[in-house]
Amino acid sequence: LRESLSAFVDKTQETVTGDVKLKLYKGNMINAGVTSPYSLYSEDFAT
């Protein structure tokens, strides 16, 4: 089962490529930007 779940996970990770910027401050991790060539986010649609 663990091996099978890993196979599923690996398939999901084919597009998980990109850069994540975080701000570290006194125990907190704050989002500071994310980009990916495989991004499904469209500003044109979401605006």
ModelCIF file with pLDDT and N, C-alpha, C, O atoms, coordinates in Angstrom:
data_MODEL
#
_entry.id   MODEL 
#
_entity.id                         1 
_entity.type                       polymer 
_entity.pdbx_number_of_molecules   1 
#
_entity_poly.entity_id                      1 
_entity_poly.type                           'polypeptide(L)' 
_entity_poly.nstd_linkage                   no 
_entity_poly.nstd_monomer                   no 
_entity_poly.pdbx_seq_one_letter_code       LRESLSAFVDKTQETVTGDVKLKLYKGNMINAGVTSPYSLYSEDFAT 
_entity_poly.pdbx_seq_one_letter_code_can   LRESLSAFVDKTQETVTGDVKLKLYKGNMINAGVTSPYSLYSEDFAT 
_entity_poly.pdbx_strand_id                 A 
#
loop_
_entity_poly_seq.entity_id 
_entity_poly_seq.num 
_entity_poly_seq.mon_id 
_entity_poly_seq.hetero 
1 1  LEU n 
1 2  ARG n 
1 3  GLU n 
1 4  SER n 
1 5  LEU n 
1 6  SER n 
1 7  ALA n 
1 8  PHE n 
1 9  VAL n 
1 10 ASP n 
1 11 LYS n 
1 12 THR n 
1 13 GLN n 
1 14 GLU n 
1 15 THR n 
1 16 VAL n 
1 17 THR n 
1 18 GLY n 
1 19 ASP n 
1 20 VAL n 
1 21 LYS n 
1 22 LEU n 
1 23 LYS n 
1 24 LEU n 
1 25 TYR n 
1 26 LYS n 
1 27 GLY n 
1 28 ASN n 
1 29 MET n 
1 30 ILE n 
1 31 ASN n 
1 32 ALA n 
1 33 GLY n 
1 34 VAL n 
1 35 THR n 
1 36 SER n 
1 37 PRO n 
1 38 TYR n 
1 39 SER n 
1 40 LEU n 
1 41 TYR n 
1 42 SER n 
1 43 GLU n 
1 44 ASP n 
1 45 PHE n 
1 46 ALA n 
1 47 THR n 
#
_struct_asym.id          A 
_struct_asym.entity_id   1 
#
loop_
_ma_qa_metric.id 
_ma_qa_metric.mode 
_ma_qa_metric.name 
_ma_qa_metric.software_group_id 
_ma_qa_metric.type 
1 global pLDDT . pLDDT 
2 local  pLDDT . pLDDT 
#
_ma_qa_metric_global.metric_id      1 
_ma_qa_metric_global.metric_value   95.02 
_ma_qa_metric_global.model_id       1 
_ma_qa_metric_global.ordinal_id     1 
#
loop_
_ma_qa_metric_local.label_asym_id 
_ma_qa_metric_local.label_comp_id 
_ma_qa_metric_local.label_seq_id 
_ma_qa_metric_local.metric_id 
_ma_qa_metric_local.metric_value 
_ma_qa_metric_local.model_id 
_ma_qa_metric_local.ordinal_id 
A LEU 1  2 98.00 1 1  
A ARG 2  2 98.00 1 2  
A GLU 3  2 98.00 1 3  
A SER 4  2 98.00 1 4  
A LEU 5  2 98.00 1 5  
A SER 6  2 98.00 1 6  
A ALA 7  2 98.00 1 7  
A PHE 8  2 98.00 1 8  
A VAL 9  2 98.00 1 9  
A ASP 10 2 98.00 1 10 
A LYS 11 2 98.00 1 11 
A THR 12 2 98.00 1 12 
A GLN 13 2 98.00 1 13 
A GLU 14 2 98.00 1 14 
A THR 15 2 98.00 1 15 
A VAL 16 2 98.00 1 16 
A THR 17 2 98.00 1 17 
A GLY 18 2 98.00 1 18 
A ASP 19 2 98.00 1 19 
A VAL 20 2 99.00 1 20 
A LYS 21 2 98.00 1 21 
A LEU 22 2 98.00 1 22 
A LYS 23 2 98.00 1 23 
A LEU 24 2 98.00 1 24 
A TYR 25 2 98.00 1 25 
A LYS 26 2 98.00 1 26 
A GLY 27 2 98.00 1 27 
A ASN 28 2 98.00 1 28 
A MET 29 2 98.00 1 29 
A ILE 30 2 98.00 1 30 
A ASN 31 2 98.00 1 31 
A ALA 32 2 98.00 1 32 
A GLY 33 2 98.00 1 33 
A VAL 34 2 98.00 1 34 
A THR 35 2 98.00 1 35 
A SER 36 2 98.00 1 36 
A PRO 37 2 98.00 1 37 
A TYR 38 2 98.00 1 38 
A SER 39 2 97.00 1 39 
A LEU 40 2 96.00 1 40 
A TYR 41 2 94.00 1 41 
A SER 42 2 88.00 1 42 
A GLU 43 2 81.00 1 43 
A ASP 44 2 75.00 1 44 
A PHE 45 2 74.00 1 45 
A ALA 46 2 68.00 1 46 
A THR 47 2 68.00 1 47 
#
loop_
_atom_site.group_PDB 
_atom_site.id 
_atom_site.type_symbol 
_atom_site.label_atom_id 
_atom_site.label_alt_id 
_atom_site.label_comp_id 
_atom_site.label_asym_id 
_atom_site.label_entity_id 
_atom_site.label_seq_id 
_atom_site.pdbx_PDB_ins_code 
_atom_site.Cartn_x 
_atom_site.Cartn_y 
_atom_site.Cartn_z 
_atom_site.occupancy 
_atom_site.B_iso_or_equiv 
_atom_site.pdbx_formal_charge 
_atom_site.auth_seq_id 
_atom_site.auth_comp_id 
_atom_site.auth_asym_id 
_atom_site.auth_atom_id 
_atom_site.pdbx_PDB_model_num 
ATOM 1   N N  . LEU A 1 1  ? 0.828   -1.209 0.000   1.00 98.00 ? 1  LEU A N  1 
ATOM 2   C CA . LEU A 1 1  ? 0.000   0.000  0.000   1.00 98.00 ? 1  LEU A CA 1 
ATOM 3   C C  . LEU A 1 1  ? 0.862   1.258  0.000   1.00 98.00 ? 1  LEU A C  1 
ATOM 4   O O  . LEU A 1 1  ? 0.582   2.192  -0.751  1.00 98.00 ? 1  LEU A O  1 
ATOM 5   N N  . ARG A 1 2  ? 1.901   1.299  0.825   1.00 98.00 ? 2  ARG A N  1 
ATOM 6   C CA . ARG A 1 2  ? 2.760   2.484  0.841   1.00 98.00 ? 2  ARG A CA 1 
ATOM 7   C C  . ARG A 1 2  ? 3.398   2.678  -0.517  1.00 98.00 ? 2  ARG A C  1 
ATOM 8   O O  . ARG A 1 2  ? 3.452   3.802  -1.017  1.00 98.00 ? 2  ARG A O  1 
ATOM 9   N N  . GLU A 1 3  ? 3.880   1.611  -1.120  1.00 98.00 ? 3  GLU A N  1 
ATOM 10  C CA . GLU A 1 3  ? 4.509   1.706  -2.439  1.00 98.00 ? 3  GLU A CA 1 
ATOM 11  C C  . GLU A 1 3  ? 3.504   2.169  -3.494  1.00 98.00 ? 3  GLU A C  1 
ATOM 12  O O  . GLU A 1 3  ? 3.849   2.949  -4.382  1.00 98.00 ? 3  GLU A O  1 
ATOM 13  N N  . SER A 1 4  ? 2.278   1.696  -3.400  1.00 98.00 ? 4  SER A N  1 
ATOM 14  C CA . SER A 1 4  ? 1.237   2.094  -4.345  1.00 98.00 ? 4  SER A CA 1 
ATOM 15  C C  . SER A 1 4  ? 0.874   3.572  -4.188  1.00 98.00 ? 4  SER A C  1 
ATOM 16  O O  . SER A 1 4  ? 0.688   4.285  -5.174  1.00 98.00 ? 4  SER A O  1 
ATOM 17  N N  . LEU A 1 5  ? 0.778   4.016  -2.942  1.00 98.00 ? 5  LEU A N  1 
ATOM 18  C CA . LEU A 1 5  ? 0.490   5.425  -2.703  1.00 98.00 ? 5  LEU A CA 1 
ATOM 19  C C  . LEU A 1 5  ? 1.623   6.309  -3.219  1.00 98.00 ? 5  LEU A C  1 
ATOM 20  O O  . LEU A 1 5  ? 1.374   7.390  -3.751  1.00 98.00 ? 5  LEU A O  1 
ATOM 21  N N  . SER A 1 6  ? 2.861   5.854  -3.063  1.00 98.00 ? 6  SER A N  1 
ATOM 22  C CA . SER A 1 6  ? 3.994   6.618  -3.591  1.00 98.00 ? 6  SER A CA 1 
ATOM 23  C C  . SER A 1 6  ? 3.929   6.735  -5.103  1.00 98.00 ? 6  SER A C  1 
ATOM 24  O O  . SER A 1 6  ? 4.298   7.767  -5.665  1.00 98.00 ? 6  SER A O  1 
ATOM 25  N N  . ALA A 1 7  ? 3.458   5.679  -5.769  1.00 98.00 ? 7  ALA A N  1 
ATOM 26  C CA . ALA A 1 7  ? 3.306   5.728  -7.231  1.00 98.00 ? 7  ALA A CA 1 
ATOM 27  C C  . ALA A 1 7  ? 2.276   6.789  -7.616  1.00 98.00 ? 7  ALA A C  1 
ATOM 28  O O  . ALA A 1 7  ? 2.489   7.547  -8.562  1.00 98.00 ? 7  ALA A O  1 
ATOM 29  N N  . PHE A 1 8  ? 1.171   6.844  -6.892  1.00 98.00 ? 8  PHE A N  1 
ATOM 30  C CA . PHE A 1 8  ? 0.169   7.884  -7.128  1.00 98.00 ? 8  PHE A CA 1 
ATOM 31  C C  . PHE A 1 8  ? 0.763   9.270  -6.894  1.00 98.00 ? 8  PHE A C  1 
ATOM 32  O O  . PHE A 1 8  ? 0.592   10.175 -7.710  1.00 98.00 ? 8  PHE A O  1 
ATOM 33  N N  . VAL A 1 9  ? 1.458   9.422  -5.779  1.00 98.00 ? 9  VAL A N  1 
ATOM 34  C CA . VAL A 1 9  ? 2.052   10.715 -5.438  1.00 98.00 ? 9  VAL A CA 1 
ATOM 35  C C  . VAL A 1 9  ? 3.023   11.170 -6.519  1.00 98.00 ? 9  VAL A C  1 
ATOM 36  O O  . VAL A 1 9  ? 3.002   12.330 -6.930  1.00 98.00 ? 9  VAL A O  1 
ATOM 37  N N  . ASP A 1 10 ? 3.874   10.258 -6.978  1.00 98.00 ? 10 ASP A N  1 
ATOM 38  C CA . ASP A 1 10 ? 4.851   10.622 -8.010  1.00 98.00 ? 10 ASP A CA 1 
ATOM 39  C C  . ASP A 1 10 ? 4.166   11.152 -9.266  1.00 98.00 ? 10 ASP A C  1 
ATOM 40  O O  . ASP A 1 10 ? 4.664   12.076 -9.908  1.00 98.00 ? 10 ASP A O  1 
ATOM 41  N N  . LYS A 1 11 ? 3.023   10.563 -9.613  1.00 98.00 ? 11 LYS A N  1 
ATOM 42  C CA . LYS A 1 11 ? 2.278   11.051 -10.770 1.00 98.00 ? 11 LYS A CA 1 
ATOM 43  C C  . LYS A 1 11 ? 1.790   12.482 -10.541 1.00 98.00 ? 11 LYS A C  1 
ATOM 44  O O  . LYS A 1 11 ? 1.843   13.310 -11.451 1.00 98.00 ? 11 LYS A O  1 
ATOM 45  N N  . THR A 1 12 ? 1.319   12.771 -9.338  1.00 98.00 ? 12 THR A N  1 
ATOM 46  C CA . THR A 1 12 ? 0.833   14.121 -9.044  1.00 98.00 ? 12 THR A CA 1 
ATOM 47  C C  . THR A 1 12 ? 1.943   15.157 -9.064  1.00 98.00 ? 12 THR A C  1 
ATOM 48  O O  . THR A 1 12 ? 1.680   16.341 -9.273  1.00 98.00 ? 12 THR A O  1 
ATOM 49  N N  . GLN A 1 13 ? 3.179   14.728 -8.850  1.00 98.00 ? 13 GLN A N  1 
ATOM 50  C CA . GLN A 1 13 ? 4.297   15.659 -8.716  1.00 98.00 ? 13 GLN A CA 1 
ATOM 51  C C  . GLN A 1 13 ? 4.949   16.046 -10.041 1.00 98.00 ? 13 GLN A C  1 
ATOM 52  O O  . GLN A 1 13 ? 5.910   16.816 -10.057 1.00 98.00 ? 13 GLN A O  1 
ATOM 53  N N  . GLU A 1 14 ? 4.439   15.524 -11.139 1.00 98.00 ? 14 GLU A N  1 
ATOM 54  C CA . GLU A 1 14 ? 5.050   15.805 -12.442 1.00 98.00 ? 14 GLU A CA 1 
ATOM 55  C C  . GLU A 1 14 ? 5.053   17.285 -12.779 1.00 98.00 ? 14 GLU A C  1 
ATOM 56  O O  . GLU A 1 14 ? 5.922   17.746 -13.519 1.00 98.00 ? 14 GLU A O  1 
ATOM 57  N N  . THR A 1 15 ? 4.102   18.035 -12.255 1.00 98.00 ? 15 THR A N  1 
ATOM 58  C CA . THR A 1 15 ? 4.029   19.477 -12.532 1.00 98.00 ? 15 THR A CA 1 
ATOM 59  C C  . THR A 1 15 ? 4.373   20.339 -11.323 1.00 98.00 ? 15 THR A C  1 
ATOM 60  O O  . THR A 1 15 ? 4.263   21.563 -11.386 1.00 98.00 ? 15 THR A O  1 
ATOM 61  N N  . VAL A 1 16 ? 4.790   19.713 -10.220 1.00 98.00 ? 16 VAL A N  1 
ATOM 62  C CA . VAL A 1 16 ? 5.097   20.478 -9.009  1.00 98.00 ? 16 VAL A CA 1 
ATOM 63  C C  . VAL A 1 16 ? 6.535   20.980 -9.094  1.00 98.00 ? 16 VAL A C  1 
ATOM 64  O O  . VAL A 1 16 ? 7.423   20.523 -8.374  1.00 98.00 ? 16 VAL A O  1 
ATOM 65  N N  . THR A 1 17 ? 6.727   21.919 -9.983  1.00 98.00 ? 17 THR A N  1 
ATOM 66  C CA . THR A 1 17 ? 8.029   22.532 -10.251 1.00 98.00 ? 17 THR A CA 1 
ATOM 67  C C  . THR A 1 17 ? 7.863   24.047 -10.186 1.00 98.00 ? 17 THR A C  1 
ATOM 68  O O  . THR A 1 17 ? 6.917   24.609 -10.738 1.00 98.00 ? 17 THR A O  1 
ATOM 69  N N  . GLY A 1 18 ? 8.795   24.689 -9.504  1.00 98.00 ? 18 GLY A N  1 
ATOM 70  C CA . GLY A 1 18 ? 8.709   26.135 -9.408  1.00 98.00 ? 18 GLY A CA 1 
ATOM 71  C C  . GLY A 1 18 ? 9.446   26.674 -8.203  1.00 98.00 ? 18 GLY A C  1 
ATOM 72  O O  . GLY A 1 18 ? 10.231  25.968 -7.569  1.00 98.00 ? 18 GLY A O  1 
ATOM 73  N N  . ASP A 1 19 ? 9.183   27.941 -7.891  1.00 98.00 ? 19 ASP A N  1 
ATOM 74  C CA . ASP A 1 19 ? 9.878   28.634 -6.810  1.00 98.00 ? 19 ASP A CA 1 
ATOM 75  C C  . ASP A 1 19 ? 8.885   29.173 -5.785  1.00 98.00 ? 19 ASP A C  1 
ATOM 76  O O  . ASP A 1 19 ? 7.845   29.734 -6.131  1.00 98.00 ? 19 ASP A O  1 
ATOM 77  N N  . VAL A 1 20 ? 9.233   28.987 -4.532  1.00 99.00 ? 20 VAL A N  1 
ATOM 78  C CA . VAL A 1 20 ? 8.414   29.488 -3.429  1.00 99.00 ? 20 VAL A CA 1 
ATOM 79  C C  . VAL A 1 20 ? 9.269   30.389 -2.559  1.00 99.00 ? 20 VAL A C  1 
ATOM 80  O O  . VAL A 1 20 ? 10.336  29.990 -2.093  1.00 99.00 ? 20 VAL A O  1 
ATOM 81  N N  . LYS A 1 21 ? 8.793   31.611 -2.342  1.00 98.00 ? 21 LYS A N  1 
ATOM 82  C CA . LYS A 1 21 ? 9.497   32.564 -1.488  1.00 98.00 ? 21 LYS A CA 1 
ATOM 83  C C  . LYS A 1 21 ? 8.765   32.676 -0.158  1.00 98.00 ? 21 LYS A C  1 
ATOM 84  O O  . LYS A 1 21 ? 7.554   32.894 -0.116  1.00 98.00 ? 21 LYS A O  1 
ATOM 85  N N  . LEU A 1 22 ? 9.520   32.522 0.931   1.00 98.00 ? 22 LEU A N  1 
ATOM 86  C CA . LEU A 1 22 ? 8.955   32.610 2.264   1.00 98.00 ? 22 LEU A CA 1 
ATOM 87  C C  . LEU A 1 22 ? 9.693   33.658 3.079   1.00 98.00 ? 22 LEU A C  1 
ATOM 88  O O  . LEU A 1 22 ? 10.896  33.861 2.916   1.00 98.00 ? 22 LEU A O  1 
ATOM 89  N N  . LYS A 1 23 ? 8.952   34.318 3.955   1.00 98.00 ? 23 LYS A N  1 
ATOM 90  C CA . LYS A 1 23 ? 9.542   35.234 4.927   1.00 98.00 ? 23 LYS A CA 1 
ATOM 91  C C  . LYS A 1 23 ? 9.526   34.565 6.294   1.00 98.00 ? 23 LYS A C  1 
ATOM 92  O O  . LYS A 1 23 ? 8.463   34.234 6.820   1.00 98.00 ? 23 LYS A O  1 
ATOM 93  N N  . LEU A 1 24 ? 10.702  34.369 6.861   1.00 98.00 ? 24 LEU A N  1 
ATOM 94  C CA . LEU A 1 24 ? 10.830  33.744 8.174   1.00 98.00 ? 24 LEU A CA 1 
ATOM 95  C C  . LEU A 1 24 ? 10.966  34.835 9.226   1.00 98.00 ? 24 LEU A C  1 
ATOM 96  O O  . LEU A 1 24 ? 11.844  35.693 9.142   1.00 98.00 ? 24 LEU A O  1 
ATOM 97  N N  . TYR A 1 25 ? 10.090  34.788 10.210  1.00 98.00 ? 25 TYR A N  1 
ATOM 98  C CA . TYR A 1 25 ? 10.126  35.842 11.225  1.00 98.00 ? 25 TYR A CA 1 
ATOM 99  C C  . TYR A 1 25 ? 9.583   35.332 12.553  1.00 98.00 ? 25 TYR A C  1 
ATOM 100 O O  . TYR A 1 25 ? 8.387   35.078 12.694  1.00 98.00 ? 25 TYR A O  1 
ATOM 101 N N  . LYS A 1 26 ? 10.474  35.189 13.515  1.00 98.00 ? 26 LYS A N  1 
ATOM 102 C CA . LYS A 1 26 ? 10.094  34.830 14.892  1.00 98.00 ? 26 LYS A CA 1 
ATOM 103 C C  . LYS A 1 26 ? 9.137   33.654 14.949  1.00 98.00 ? 26 LYS A C  1 
ATOM 104 O O  . LYS A 1 26 ? 8.054   33.741 15.529  1.00 98.00 ? 26 LYS A O  1 
ATOM 105 N N  . GLY A 1 27 ? 9.548   32.560 14.343  1.00 98.00 ? 27 GLY A N  1 
ATOM 106 C CA . GLY A 1 27 ? 8.768   31.335 14.375  1.00 98.00 ? 27 GLY A CA 1 
ATOM 107 C C  . GLY A 1 27 ? 7.697   31.213 13.322  1.00 98.00 ? 27 GLY A C  1 
ATOM 108 O O  . GLY A 1 27 ? 7.062   30.165 13.199  1.00 98.00 ? 27 GLY A O  1 
ATOM 109 N N  . ASN A 1 28 ? 7.481   32.286 12.547  1.00 98.00 ? 28 ASN A N  1 
ATOM 110 C CA . ASN A 1 28 ? 6.449   32.287 11.519  1.00 98.00 ? 28 ASN A CA 1 
ATOM 111 C C  . ASN A 1 28 ? 7.042   32.097 10.126  1.00 98.00 ? 28 ASN A C  1 
ATOM 112 O O  . ASN A 1 28 ? 8.162   32.527 9.849   1.00 98.00 ? 28 ASN A O  1 
ATOM 113 N N  . MET A 1 29 ? 6.276   31.446 9.260   1.00 98.00 ? 29 MET A N  1 
ATOM 114 C CA . MET A 1 29 ? 6.614   31.309 7.854   1.00 98.00 ? 29 MET A CA 1 
ATOM 115 C C  . MET A 1 29 ? 5.510   31.979 7.050   1.00 98.00 ? 29 MET A C  1 
ATOM 116 O O  . MET A 1 29 ? 4.377   31.498 7.022   1.00 98.00 ? 29 MET A O  1 
ATOM 117 N N  . ILE A 1 30 ? 5.835   33.078 6.403   1.00 98.00 ? 30 ILE A N  1 
ATOM 118 C CA . ILE A 1 30 ? 4.852   33.922 5.724   1.00 98.00 ? 30 ILE A CA 1 
ATOM 119 C C  . ILE A 1 30 ? 5.061   33.854 4.212   1.00 98.00 ? 30 ILE A C  1 
ATOM 120 O O  . ILE A 1 30 ? 6.172   34.055 3.722   1.00 98.00 ? 30 ILE A O  1 
ATOM 121 N N  . ASN A 1 31 ? 3.992   33.571 3.485   1.00 98.00 ? 31 ASN A N  1 
ATOM 122 C CA . ASN A 1 31 ? 4.081   33.511 2.030   1.00 98.00 ? 31 ASN A CA 1 
ATOM 123 C C  . ASN A 1 31 ? 4.571   34.841 1.472   1.00 98.00 ? 31 ASN A C  1 
ATOM 124 O O  . ASN A 1 31 ? 4.098   35.907 1.867   1.00 98.00 ? 31 ASN A O  1 
ATOM 125 N N  . ALA A 1 32 ? 5.528   34.763 0.547   1.00 98.00 ? 32 ALA A N  1 
ATOM 126 C CA . ALA A 1 32 ? 6.067   35.977 -0.056  1.00 98.00 ? 32 ALA A CA 1 
ATOM 127 C C  . ALA A 1 32 ? 6.143   35.871 -1.575  1.00 98.00 ? 32 ALA A C  1 
ATOM 128 O O  . ALA A 1 32 ? 6.828   36.665 -2.220  1.00 98.00 ? 32 ALA A O  1 
ATOM 129 N N  . GLY A 1 33 ? 5.443   34.891 -2.149  1.00 98.00 ? 33 GLY A N  1 
ATOM 130 C CA . GLY A 1 33 ? 5.410   34.764 -3.608  1.00 98.00 ? 33 GLY A CA 1 
ATOM 131 C C  . GLY A 1 33 ? 5.657   33.343 -4.073  1.00 98.00 ? 33 GLY A C  1 
ATOM 132 O O  . GLY A 1 33 ? 6.441   32.617 -3.463  1.00 98.00 ? 33 GLY A O  1 
ATOM 133 N N  . VAL A 1 34 ? 4.992   32.938 -5.150  1.00 98.00 ? 34 VAL A N  1 
ATOM 134 C CA . VAL A 1 34 ? 5.160   31.611 -5.722  1.00 98.00 ? 34 VAL A CA 1 
ATOM 135 C C  . VAL A 1 34 ? 4.993   31.687 -7.230  1.00 98.00 ? 34 VAL A C  1 
ATOM 136 O O  . VAL A 1 34 ? 4.093   32.365 -7.725  1.00 98.00 ? 34 VAL A O  1 
ATOM 137 N N  . THR A 1 35 ? 5.861   30.989 -7.965  1.00 98.00 ? 35 THR A N  1 
ATOM 138 C CA . THR A 1 35 ? 5.800   30.942 -9.427  1.00 98.00 ? 35 THR A CA 1 
ATOM 139 C C  . THR A 1 35 ? 6.051   29.521 -9.900  1.00 98.00 ? 35 THR A C  1 
ATOM 140 O O  . THR A 1 35 ? 6.744   28.747 -9.241  1.00 98.00 ? 35 THR A O  1 
ATOM 141 N N  . SER A 1 36 ? 5.477   29.186 -11.056 1.00 98.00 ? 36 SER A N  1 
ATOM 142 C CA . SER A 1 36 ? 5.699   27.873 -11.652 1.00 98.00 ? 36 SER A CA 1 
ATOM 143 C C  . SER A 1 36 ? 5.402   27.926 -13.138 1.00 98.00 ? 36 SER A C  1 
ATOM 144 O O  . SER A 1 36 ? 4.447   28.581 -13.555 1.00 98.00 ? 36 SER A O  1 
ATOM 145 N N  . PRO A 1 37 ? 6.219   27.236 -13.956 1.00 98.00 ? 37 PRO A N  1 
ATOM 146 C CA . PRO A 1 37 ? 5.894   27.149 -15.381 1.00 98.00 ? 37 PRO A CA 1 
ATOM 147 C C  . PRO A 1 37 ? 4.636   26.327 -15.636 1.00 98.00 ? 37 PRO A C  1 
ATOM 148 O O  . PRO A 1 37 ? 4.088   26.358 -16.737 1.00 98.00 ? 37 PRO A O  1 
ATOM 149 N N  . TYR A 1 38 ? 4.175   25.592 -14.626 1.00 98.00 ? 38 TYR A N  1 
ATOM 150 C CA . TYR A 1 38 ? 2.974   24.773 -14.754 1.00 98.00 ? 38 TYR A CA 1 
ATOM 151 C C  . TYR A 1 38 ? 1.801   25.340 -13.956 1.00 98.00 ? 38 TYR A C  1 
ATOM 152 O O  . TYR A 1 38 ? 0.851   24.622 -13.644 1.00 98.00 ? 38 TYR A O  1 
ATOM 153 N N  . SER A 1 39 ? 1.869   26.606 -13.634 1.00 97.00 ? 39 SER A N  1 
ATOM 154 C CA . SER A 1 39 ? 0.821   27.220 -12.828 1.00 97.00 ? 39 SER A CA 1 
ATOM 155 C C  . SER A 1 39 ? -0.543  27.109 -13.505 1.00 97.00 ? 39 SER A C  1 
ATOM 156 O O  . SER A 1 39 ? -0.674  27.318 -14.711 1.00 97.00 ? 39 SER A O  1 
ATOM 157 N N  . LEU A 1 40 ? -1.552  26.776 -12.705 1.00 96.00 ? 40 LEU A N  1 
ATOM 158 C CA . LEU A 1 40 ? -2.927  26.727 -13.183 1.00 96.00 ? 40 LEU A CA 1 
ATOM 159 C C  . LEU A 1 40 ? -3.691  27.993 -12.816 1.00 96.00 ? 40 LEU A C  1 
ATOM 160 O O  . LEU A 1 40 ? -4.882  28.119 -13.101 1.00 96.00 ? 40 LEU A O  1 
ATOM 161 N N  . TYR A 1 41 ? -3.006  28.904 -12.198 1.00 94.00 ? 41 TYR A N  1 
ATOM 162 C CA . TYR A 1 41 ? -3.626  30.169 -11.822 1.00 94.00 ? 41 TYR A CA 1 
ATOM 163 C C  . TYR A 1 41 ? -3.610  31.125 -13.004 1.00 94.00 ? 41 TYR A C  1 
ATOM 164 O O  . TYR A 1 41 ? -2.561  31.350 -13.607 1.00 94.00 ? 41 TYR A O  1 
ATOM 165 N N  . SER A 1 42 ? -4.755  31.684 -13.337 1.00 88.00 ? 42 SER A N  1 
ATOM 166 C CA . SER A 1 42 ? -4.873  32.642 -14.430 1.00 88.00 ? 42 SER A CA 1 
ATOM 167 C C  . SER A 1 42 ? -5.432  33.947 -13.903 1.00 88.00 ? 42 SER A C  1 
ATOM 168 O O  . SER A 1 42 ? -6.578  33.996 -13.456 1.00 88.00 ? 42 SER A O  1 
ATOM 169 N N  . GLU A 1 43 ? -4.654  34.984 -13.949 1.00 81.00 ? 43 GLU A N  1 
ATOM 170 C CA . GLU A 1 43 ? -5.120  36.293 -13.508 1.00 81.00 ? 43 GLU A CA 1 
ATOM 171 C C  . GLU A 1 43 ? -6.271  36.783 -14.370 1.00 81.00 ? 43 GLU A C  1 
ATOM 172 O O  . GLU A 1 43 ? -7.165  37.484 -13.895 1.00 81.00 ? 43 GLU A O  1 
ATOM 173 N N  . ASP A 1 44 ? -6.238  36.403 -15.654 1.00 75.00 ? 44 ASP A N  1 
ATOM 174 C CA . ASP A 1 44 ? -7.303  36.828 -16.559 1.00 75.00 ? 44 ASP A CA 1 
ATOM 175 C C  . ASP A 1 44 ? -8.661  36.312 -16.091 1.00 75.00 ? 44 ASP A C  1 
ATOM 176 O O  . ASP A 1 44 ? -9.668  37.015 -16.181 1.00 75.00 ? 44 ASP A O  1 
ATOM 177 N N  . PHE A 1 45 ? -8.678  35.064 -15.587 1.00 74.00 ? 45 PHE A N  1 
ATOM 178 C CA . PHE A 1 45 ? -9.936  34.482 -15.138 1.00 74.00 ? 45 PHE A CA 1 
ATOM 179 C C  . PHE A 1 45 ? -10.296 34.918 -13.712 1.00 74.00 ? 45 PHE A C  1 
ATOM 180 O O  . PHE A 1 45 ? -11.468 35.132 -13.402 1.00 74.00 ? 45 PHE A O  1 
ATOM 181 N N  . ALA A 1 46 ? -9.292  35.047 -12.857 1.00 68.00 ? 46 ALA A N  1 
ATOM 182 C CA . ALA A 1 46 ? -9.546  35.298 -11.441 1.00 68.00 ? 46 ALA A CA 1 
ATOM 183 C C  . ALA A 1 46 ? -9.767  36.763 -11.092 1.00 68.00 ? 46 ALA A C  1 
ATOM 184 O O  . ALA A 1 46 ? -10.256 37.062 -10.003 1.00 68.00 ? 46 ALA A O  1 
ATOM 185 N N  . THR A 1 47 ? -9.419  37.689 -11.991 1.00 68.00 ? 47 THR A N  1 
ATOM 186 C CA . THR A 1 47 ? -9.447  39.110 -11.662 1.00 68.00 ? 47 THR A CA 1 
ATOM 187 C C  . THR A 1 47 ? -10.846 39.597 -11.277 1.00 68.00 ? 47 THR A C  1 
ATOM 188 O O  . THR A 1 47 ? -11.027 40.776 -10.973 1.00 68.00 ? 47 THR A O  1 
#
